[in-house]
Amino acid sequence: MKRSDRRNYLEYLTVCLVLKTLALLPRALRLQTAYLLAKIAYLVAKKLKKTAAHNLEMALPELSRQQHAKIIKGLFRNFGRLLAEFSYFPKYTKEEIEQAVEYSGLENYLAAHERGHGVLFLTGHFGAWELSCFFHAMCGYPHNILVRKIDNPYIEALVDSYRSRPGNRTIDKNNSAKAILSCLRRGETVGILIDLNTVRNQGVFCDFFGIPACSTTGLATLALRTDAAVVPVVIIWDEQKKRHILHFEPALEIISTGNLKEDILQNTSNFNKVLESFIRKHPDHWLWVHKRWKTRPEGEPEIY
């Protein structure tokens, strides 16, 4: 076995051990154990915390450093919740998962689906994002998820088996257009996370927290080409209930003037505004550790 393969396999065994150990615990203890692991990660992840602090200083300058620090701690706690829920995917029954998650605005999704042109979920790395599609499928609405494959093939196969367990299907982000179009022609739903940095030749620059951010044009292009409904969806943690809320907004009105380039820019800008509004309400739910503003407009200096 090659050195890289040995390393990948050891990483895989570690991930398996963590997931399977957590899955043995009752939900309350599973969450508390995952919170402890997240706290340890917070203490050692200096580079990630530095990136998050820098992002918060740029995006939310009106908040104090103490408030930024609280958001970052909350973000790692959110990672813990995600880990706790993900570990239990192979064991969840419908009755159990309905105790952990509830719907808000399901009628908005159903109305969009009734249009018959397919549904595109506008979402991001927000809350326990893996749980959103899993719960929706467990309730009888399996769909397709656009993903970037994990570099470690063993972990990729494991994660894919967890994601697809209730009937969901994953679509590799690379060369995905044909597969997505086929899904939408069949009236299916496709989930697309649009909140990550994009290279300059694959995106457009739109304001995100008042800062130009290179944003994927894929969602806008698909919506314009297929007339699929674009439904914003996020999963929000309710601390009082100790439950997740899977929230659907009404389908967005898509701008279509016939000027394709401008329509893509305007719709992508609107999508960013929708995500920003969710993040402002729940800042500790979003992936501040990601270098969202890494790609800069021509001539601008690097941020990170």
Protein backbone atom coordinates (compact mmCIF):
# COMPACT_ATOMS: atom_id res chain seq x y z
CA MET A 1 0.00 0.00 0.00
CA LYS A 2 1.34 3.42 -0.94
CA ARG A 3 2.12 5.96 1.75
CA SER A 4 -0.75 8.22 0.67
CA ASP A 5 -3.14 5.26 0.71
CA ARG A 6 -2.04 4.33 4.23
CA ARG A 7 -2.62 7.89 5.39
CA ASN A 8 -6.04 7.99 3.74
CA TYR A 9 -7.00 4.67 5.31
CA LEU A 10 -5.89 5.76 8.78
CA GLU A 11 -7.95 8.96 8.41
CA TYR A 12 -10.90 6.83 7.33
CA LEU A 13 -10.54 4.53 10.36
CA THR A 14 -10.42 7.56 12.67
CA VAL A 15 -13.58 9.03 11.13
CA CYS A 16 -15.33 5.65 11.38
CA LEU A 17 -14.37 5.32 15.04
CA VAL A 18 -15.71 8.78 15.91
CA LEU A 19 -18.97 8.33 13.98
CA LYS A 20 -19.70 4.84 15.23
CA THR A 21 -18.86 5.72 18.85
CA LEU A 22 -21.15 8.75 18.80
CA ALA A 23 -23.94 6.70 17.20
CA LEU A 24 -23.96 4.39 20.24
CA LEU A 25 -24.96 7.22 22.57
CA PRO A 26 -28.46 8.56 23.37
CA ARG A 27 -29.16 11.82 21.54
CA ALA A 28 -28.63 14.18 24.50
CA LEU A 29 -25.31 12.54 25.41
CA ARG A 30 -24.35 12.35 21.73
CA LEU A 31 -24.80 16.11 21.41
CA GLN A 32 -22.84 16.83 24.59
CA THR A 33 -19.98 14.57 23.48
CA ALA A 34 -19.88 16.21 20.05
CA TYR A 35 -19.87 19.64 21.72
CA LEU A 36 -16.83 18.54 23.73
CA LEU A 37 -15.05 17.42 20.54
CA ALA A 38 -15.95 20.74 18.92
CA LYS A 39 -14.52 22.62 21.90
CA ILE A 40 -11.26 20.73 21.55
CA ALA A 41 -11.23 21.56 17.82
CA TYR A 42 -11.81 25.22 18.70
CA LEU A 43 -8.81 25.23 21.01
CA VAL A 44 -6.41 23.77 18.41
CA ALA A 45 -7.73 25.21 15.10
CA LYS A 46 -5.74 28.46 15.20
CA LYS A 47 -5.65 29.03 11.43
CA LEU A 48 -9.40 28.51 11.05
CA LYS A 49 -10.12 30.87 13.93
CA LYS A 50 -7.83 33.48 12.39
CA THR A 51 -9.69 33.26 9.07
CA ALA A 52 -13.06 33.48 10.84
CA ALA A 53 -11.98 36.53 12.86
CA HIS A 54 -10.72 38.26 9.72
CA ASN A 55 -13.97 37.52 7.86
CA LEU A 56 -16.07 38.84 10.74
CA GLU A 57 -14.01 42.02 10.99
CA MET A 58 -14.72 42.68 7.29
CA ALA A 59 -18.35 41.54 7.14
CA LEU A 60 -19.67 42.63 10.54
CA PRO A 61 -17.43 45.55 11.60
CA GLU A 62 -20.22 47.01 13.73
CA LEU A 63 -19.79 44.15 16.22
CA SER A 64 -17.10 44.08 18.89
CA ARG A 65 -14.23 41.60 19.00
CA GLN A 66 -15.94 39.94 21.95
CA GLN A 67 -19.06 39.45 19.84
CA HIS A 68 -16.95 38.07 16.99
CA ALA A 69 -15.32 35.62 19.40
CA LYS A 70 -18.73 34.48 20.64
CA ILE A 71 -19.87 33.86 17.04
CA ILE A 72 -16.75 31.79 16.31
CA LYS A 73 -17.30 29.67 19.44
CA GLY A 74 -20.92 29.22 18.35
CA LEU A 75 -19.78 28.15 14.90
CA PHE A 76 -17.62 25.36 16.34
CA ARG A 77 -20.55 24.34 18.54
CA ASN A 78 -22.62 24.17 15.36
CA PHE A 79 -19.98 21.84 13.88
CA GLY A 80 -20.50 19.64 16.92
CA ARG A 81 -24.26 19.46 16.32
CA LEU A 82 -23.66 18.59 12.68
CA LEU A 83 -21.28 15.80 13.67
CA ALA A 84 -23.68 14.42 16.28
CA GLU A 85 -26.58 14.27 13.83
CA PHE A 86 -24.50 12.96 10.91
CA SER A 87 -23.14 10.11 13.01
CA TYR A 88 -26.67 8.80 13.57
CA PHE A 89 -27.79 8.83 9.93
CA PRO A 90 -27.51 5.02 9.54
CA LYS A 91 -29.77 4.47 12.57
CA TYR A 92 -32.38 7.21 12.30
CA THR A 93 -35.99 6.08 11.99
CA LYS A 94 -38.68 8.45 10.75
CA GLU A 95 -40.15 8.64 14.24
CA GLU A 96 -36.78 9.50 15.78
CA ILE A 97 -35.81 12.12 13.26
CA GLU A 98 -39.18 13.86 13.63
CA GLN A 99 -38.24 14.37 17.29
CA ALA A 100 -35.00 16.07 16.19
CA VAL A 101 -36.23 18.18 13.25
CA GLU A 102 -39.44 19.99 12.33
CA TYR A 103 -40.64 21.77 9.21
CA SER A 104 -41.30 25.46 8.70
CA GLY A 105 -42.76 26.58 5.38
CA LEU A 106 -43.07 23.13 3.81
CA GLU A 107 -46.00 24.51 1.83
CA ASN A 108 -43.54 26.74 -0.03
CA TYR A 109 -41.59 23.72 -1.25
CA LEU A 110 -44.76 21.84 -2.21
CA ALA A 111 -46.11 24.83 -4.18
CA ALA A 112 -42.80 25.15 -6.04
CA HIS A 113 -42.78 21.43 -6.83
CA GLU A 114 -46.33 21.64 -8.18
CA ARG A 115 -45.14 24.01 -10.92
CA GLY A 116 -43.70 20.94 -12.63
CA HIS A 117 -40.36 22.31 -13.84
CA GLY A 118 -38.26 20.97 -11.00
CA VAL A 119 -36.98 22.75 -7.90
CA LEU A 120 -33.56 24.23 -7.19
CA PHE A 121 -32.70 24.66 -3.52
CA LEU A 122 -30.77 27.85 -2.80
CA THR A 123 -28.76 26.97 0.28
CA GLY A 124 -25.32 26.99 1.85
CA HIS A 125 -23.10 25.60 4.58
CA PHE A 126 -25.50 26.80 7.23
CA GLY A 127 -26.54 25.07 10.45
CA ALA A 128 -26.44 21.27 10.29
CA TRP A 129 -26.64 21.43 6.50
CA GLU A 130 -26.18 17.68 5.96
CA LEU A 131 -29.25 17.05 8.11
CA SER A 132 -31.55 19.20 5.97
CA CYS A 133 -31.54 16.97 2.88
CA PHE A 134 -31.46 13.81 5.00
CA PHE A 135 -34.56 14.77 6.99
CA HIS A 136 -36.42 15.94 3.88
CA ALA A 137 -35.77 12.59 2.21
CA MET A 138 -36.79 10.66 5.34
CA CYS A 139 -40.13 12.49 5.17
CA GLY A 140 -40.70 11.26 1.62
CA TYR A 141 -38.98 13.92 -0.49
CA PRO A 142 -35.67 12.48 -1.72
CA HIS A 143 -33.68 14.75 -3.98
CA ASN A 144 -30.35 15.29 -5.70
CA ILE A 145 -27.40 16.99 -4.01
CA LEU A 146 -24.59 18.74 -5.85
CA VAL A 147 -21.34 17.90 -4.02
CA ARG A 148 -17.61 18.32 -4.30
CA LYS A 149 -16.00 14.94 -3.75
CA ILE A 150 -13.76 14.56 -0.71
CA ASP A 151 -10.10 14.02 -1.60
CA ASN A 152 -9.84 10.91 0.59
CA PRO A 153 -11.67 8.21 -1.43
CA TYR A 154 -12.41 6.05 1.62
CA ILE A 155 -14.05 8.91 3.52
CA GLU A 156 -15.84 10.01 0.33
CA ALA A 157 -17.45 6.57 -0.03
CA LEU A 158 -18.46 6.57 3.64
CA VAL A 159 -19.97 10.07 3.54
CA ASP A 160 -21.79 9.31 0.29
CA SER A 161 -23.34 6.18 1.80
CA TYR A 162 -24.63 8.25 4.74
CA ARG A 163 -26.01 11.01 2.50
CA SER A 164 -27.77 8.63 0.10
CA ARG A 165 -29.22 6.28 2.73
CA PRO A 166 -32.80 7.71 2.65
CA GLY A 167 -32.93 7.83 -1.17
CA ASN A 168 -30.98 10.99 -1.97
CA ARG A 169 -28.59 10.96 -4.91
CA THR A 170 -25.33 12.89 -5.12
CA ILE A 171 -24.08 14.62 -8.26
CA ASP A 172 -20.36 15.33 -8.64
CA LYS A 173 -19.85 19.08 -8.99
CA ASN A 174 -17.42 18.52 -11.87
CA ASN A 175 -19.26 18.13 -15.20
CA SER A 176 -22.64 18.25 -13.46
CA ALA A 177 -24.71 20.30 -15.93
CA LYS A 178 -26.08 17.38 -17.96
CA ALA A 179 -27.08 15.40 -14.86
CA ILE A 180 -28.80 18.39 -13.25
CA LEU A 181 -30.72 19.23 -16.43
CA SER A 182 -31.95 15.63 -16.64
CA CYS A 183 -33.16 15.79 -13.03
CA LEU A 184 -35.05 19.04 -13.60
CA ARG A 185 -36.68 17.73 -16.80
CA ARG A 186 -38.07 14.90 -14.68
CA GLY A 187 -39.47 17.47 -12.23
CA GLU A 188 -37.00 16.52 -9.49
CA THR A 189 -35.30 18.67 -6.85
CA VAL A 190 -31.61 19.59 -6.81
CA GLY A 191 -29.84 21.14 -3.82
CA ILE A 192 -27.01 23.56 -4.58
CA LEU A 193 -24.79 25.21 -1.96
CA ILE A 194 -23.77 28.57 -3.39
CA ASP A 195 -21.89 30.18 -0.51
CA LEU A 196 -18.29 29.18 -1.30
CA ASN A 197 -15.59 31.16 -3.08
CA THR A 198 -15.48 30.61 -6.86
CA VAL A 199 -12.59 31.08 -9.27
CA ARG A 200 -12.86 34.15 -11.49
CA ASN A 201 -13.65 32.34 -14.77
CA GLN A 202 -16.55 30.40 -13.19
CA GLY A 203 -18.32 33.19 -11.34
CA VAL A 204 -19.38 36.81 -11.17
CA PHE A 205 -18.63 39.39 -8.50
CA CYS A 206 -21.59 40.31 -6.31
CA ASP A 207 -21.76 42.09 -2.99
CA PHE A 208 -21.78 39.76 0.00
CA PHE A 209 -21.82 41.72 3.26
CA GLY A 210 -20.82 44.76 1.23
CA ILE A 211 -17.67 43.10 -0.17
CA PRO A 212 -17.36 41.88 -3.79
CA ALA A 213 -17.41 38.07 -3.66
CA CYS A 214 -16.84 35.79 -6.64
CA SER A 215 -20.05 33.75 -6.76
CA THR A 216 -21.07 30.74 -8.80
CA THR A 217 -23.38 31.48 -11.73
CA GLY A 218 -24.64 27.90 -11.93
CA LEU A 219 -27.87 28.36 -9.99
CA ALA A 220 -28.95 31.44 -11.93
CA THR A 221 -28.04 29.86 -15.27
CA LEU A 222 -30.03 26.70 -14.49
CA ALA A 223 -33.06 28.68 -13.31
CA LEU A 224 -33.08 30.82 -16.45
CA ARG A 225 -32.59 27.86 -18.75
CA THR A 226 -35.17 25.50 -17.21
CA ASP A 227 -37.74 27.71 -15.46
CA ALA A 228 -37.18 25.61 -12.33
CA ALA A 229 -38.36 27.19 -9.10
CA VAL A 230 -35.60 28.54 -6.84
CA VAL A 231 -36.51 27.92 -3.19
CA PRO A 232 -34.29 29.25 -0.38
CA VAL A 233 -33.87 26.66 2.37
CA VAL A 234 -31.85 26.61 5.61
CA ILE A 235 -31.84 24.51 8.75
CA ILE A 236 -31.85 26.49 12.01
CA TRP A 237 -31.10 25.29 15.53
CA ASP A 238 -33.68 26.15 18.19
CA GLU A 239 -31.81 26.11 21.50
CA GLN A 240 -34.97 26.16 23.61
CA LYS A 241 -36.57 23.23 21.82
CA LYS A 242 -33.24 21.44 21.27
CA ARG A 243 -34.49 20.82 17.74
CA HIS A 244 -33.58 21.82 14.21
CA ILE A 245 -36.06 23.79 12.09
CA LEU A 246 -35.95 23.03 8.35
CA HIS A 247 -37.18 26.30 6.88
CA PHE A 248 -38.36 26.90 3.30
CA GLU A 249 -38.94 30.38 1.90
CA PRO A 250 -41.37 31.03 -1.00
CA ALA A 251 -39.84 30.52 -4.46
CA LEU A 252 -37.94 33.58 -5.64
CA GLU A 253 -39.00 35.64 -8.62
CA ILE A 254 -36.32 35.17 -11.27
CA ILE A 255 -35.27 38.20 -13.33
CA SER A 256 -35.45 37.38 -17.03
CA THR A 257 -35.09 40.34 -19.39
CA GLY A 258 -33.48 38.52 -22.33
CA ASN A 259 -30.04 39.93 -21.53
CA LEU A 260 -28.52 36.67 -20.30
CA LYS A 261 -25.29 38.10 -18.90
CA GLU A 262 -27.07 40.82 -16.94
CA ASP A 263 -29.83 38.45 -15.80
CA ILE A 264 -27.26 36.01 -14.40
CA LEU A 265 -25.52 38.82 -12.54
CA GLN A 266 -28.73 40.26 -11.07
CA ASN A 267 -30.15 36.90 -10.01
CA THR A 268 -26.85 35.77 -8.49
CA SER A 269 -26.69 39.06 -6.60
CA ASN A 270 -30.21 38.47 -5.28
CA PHE A 271 -29.29 34.93 -4.20
CA ASN A 272 -26.34 36.30 -2.22
CA LYS A 273 -28.64 38.81 -0.50
CA VAL A 274 -30.98 36.00 0.55
CA LEU A 275 -28.13 34.00 2.09
CA GLU A 276 -26.73 37.10 3.76
CA SER A 277 -30.10 37.79 5.40
CA PHE A 278 -30.12 34.29 6.93
CA ILE A 279 -26.53 34.64 8.15
CA ARG A 280 -27.18 38.04 9.74
CA LYS A 281 -30.03 36.51 11.75
CA HIS A 282 -27.97 33.48 12.80
CA PRO A 283 -24.29 34.39 12.40
CA ASP A 284 -23.05 31.42 14.41
CA HIS A 285 -24.66 29.05 11.89
CA TRP A 286 -22.43 29.95 8.93
CA LEU A 287 -18.99 28.81 7.73
CA TRP A 288 -16.89 31.84 8.68
CA VAL A 289 -13.76 29.67 8.61
CA HIS A 290 -14.00 29.53 4.80
CA LYS A 291 -12.05 32.11 2.75
CA ARG A 292 -15.18 33.39 1.04
CA TRP A 293 -13.54 36.51 -0.43
CA LYS A 294 -10.31 34.87 -1.63
CA THR A 295 -10.86 35.52 -5.36
CA ARG A 296 -10.54 39.25 -6.01
CA PRO A 297 -11.57 41.43 -8.95
CA GLU A 298 -8.76 42.11 -11.41
CA GLY A 299 -6.19 44.48 -9.90
CA GLU A 300 -7.40 44.21 -6.30
CA PRO A 301 -4.95 43.01 -3.61
CA GLU A 302 -5.41 39.68 -1.86
CA ILE A 303 -7.44 39.70 1.34
CA TYR A 304 -6.01 36.65 3.09
